[in-house]
Amino acid sequence: MGKAISVDALLREIGLRMRSSREAAGLTQEEAAHRAGLDARRWQRIEQGVVNLTVRTLARISSALEVSFWDLLRKP
């Protein structure tokens, strides 16, 4: 069995990957949130790693950022 990872650490890592992808796309948090159909404040909290995401929300985020869903989850 693999090494256990904390949910908090995983959420922070996903948030960092989102921010990196958003910045690479040249988008503000507001623009990215709008593309994903999310409130800008919620987007900000997701990037901070304090929101427990659903698969559905993560799929909307990856689509808005035009990155693979799996790239947001892949091991660094």
Protein backbone atom coordinates (compact mmCIF):
# COMPACT_ATOMS: atom_id res chain seq x y z
CA MET A 1 0.00 0.00 0.00
CA GLY A 2 1.18 3.54 -0.77
CA LYS A 3 2.01 6.20 1.75
CA ALA A 4 -1.07 7.97 3.11
CA ILE A 5 -1.46 11.65 2.25
CA SER A 6 -3.48 14.09 4.29
CA VAL A 7 -6.57 15.55 2.68
CA ASP A 8 -5.42 19.05 3.68
CA ALA A 9 -2.09 18.56 1.91
CA LEU A 10 -3.87 17.22 -1.18
CA LEU A 11 -6.25 20.19 -1.29
CA ARG A 12 -3.34 22.63 -0.95
CA GLU A 13 -1.48 20.87 -3.79
CA ILE A 14 -4.54 20.98 -6.06
CA GLY A 15 -4.93 24.69 -5.24
CA LEU A 16 -1.30 25.35 -6.16
CA ARG A 17 -1.71 23.51 -9.46
CA MET A 18 -4.88 25.47 -10.21
CA ARG A 19 -3.12 28.76 -9.56
CA SER A 20 -0.15 27.78 -11.69
CA SER A 21 -2.42 26.70 -14.56
CA ARG A 22 -4.54 29.84 -14.24
CA GLU A 23 -1.50 32.10 -14.29
CA ALA A 24 -0.03 30.21 -17.27
CA ALA A 25 -3.32 30.84 -19.10
CA GLY A 26 -3.10 34.56 -18.26
CA LEU A 27 -6.38 34.54 -16.35
CA THR A 28 -7.40 36.37 -13.21
CA GLN A 29 -9.22 34.45 -10.50
CA GLU A 30 -12.42 36.23 -11.52
CA GLU A 31 -12.04 35.28 -15.19
CA ALA A 32 -11.26 31.66 -14.39
CA ALA A 33 -14.13 31.45 -11.92
CA HIS A 34 -16.53 32.86 -14.50
CA ARG A 35 -15.39 30.29 -17.08
CA ALA A 36 -16.00 27.50 -14.56
CA GLY A 37 -19.36 28.90 -13.44
CA LEU A 38 -18.08 29.47 -9.91
CA ASP A 39 -18.17 32.42 -7.58
CA ALA A 40 -14.81 34.26 -7.54
CA ARG A 41 -14.61 33.99 -3.73
CA ARG A 42 -15.09 30.21 -3.94
CA TRP A 43 -12.36 30.00 -6.58
CA GLN A 44 -10.04 31.93 -4.28
CA ARG A 45 -10.77 29.56 -1.39
CA ILE A 46 -10.17 26.53 -3.62
CA GLU A 47 -6.77 27.91 -4.65
CA GLN A 48 -6.00 28.41 -0.96
CA GLY A 49 -6.73 24.73 -0.37
CA VAL A 50 -9.55 25.24 2.11
CA VAL A 51 -12.46 23.87 0.06
CA ASN A 52 -13.14 20.14 -0.26
CA LEU A 53 -13.77 19.75 -3.99
CA THR A 54 -16.20 17.44 -5.71
CA VAL A 55 -15.19 15.61 -8.87
CA ARG A 56 -17.81 17.65 -10.73
CA THR A 57 -16.26 20.95 -9.59
CA LEU A 58 -12.76 19.74 -10.39
CA ALA A 59 -13.92 18.80 -13.90
CA ARG A 60 -15.39 22.29 -14.38
CA ILE A 61 -12.13 23.84 -13.18
CA SER A 62 -9.98 21.76 -15.50
CA SER A 63 -12.23 22.66 -18.42
CA ALA A 64 -12.08 26.37 -17.57
CA LEU A 65 -8.29 26.22 -17.40
CA GLU A 66 -8.06 24.01 -20.49
CA VAL A 67 -5.91 21.46 -18.66
CA SER A 68 -6.39 17.76 -18.10
CA PHE A 69 -8.47 16.82 -15.07
CA TRP A 70 -5.72 14.34 -14.21
CA ASP A 71 -2.98 16.98 -14.38
CA LEU A 72 -4.58 18.64 -11.36
CA LEU A 73 -4.32 15.33 -9.44
CA ARG A 74 -1.09 13.79 -10.73
CA LYS A 75 1.79 13.31 -8.31
CA PRO A 76 4.38 16.09 -8.51
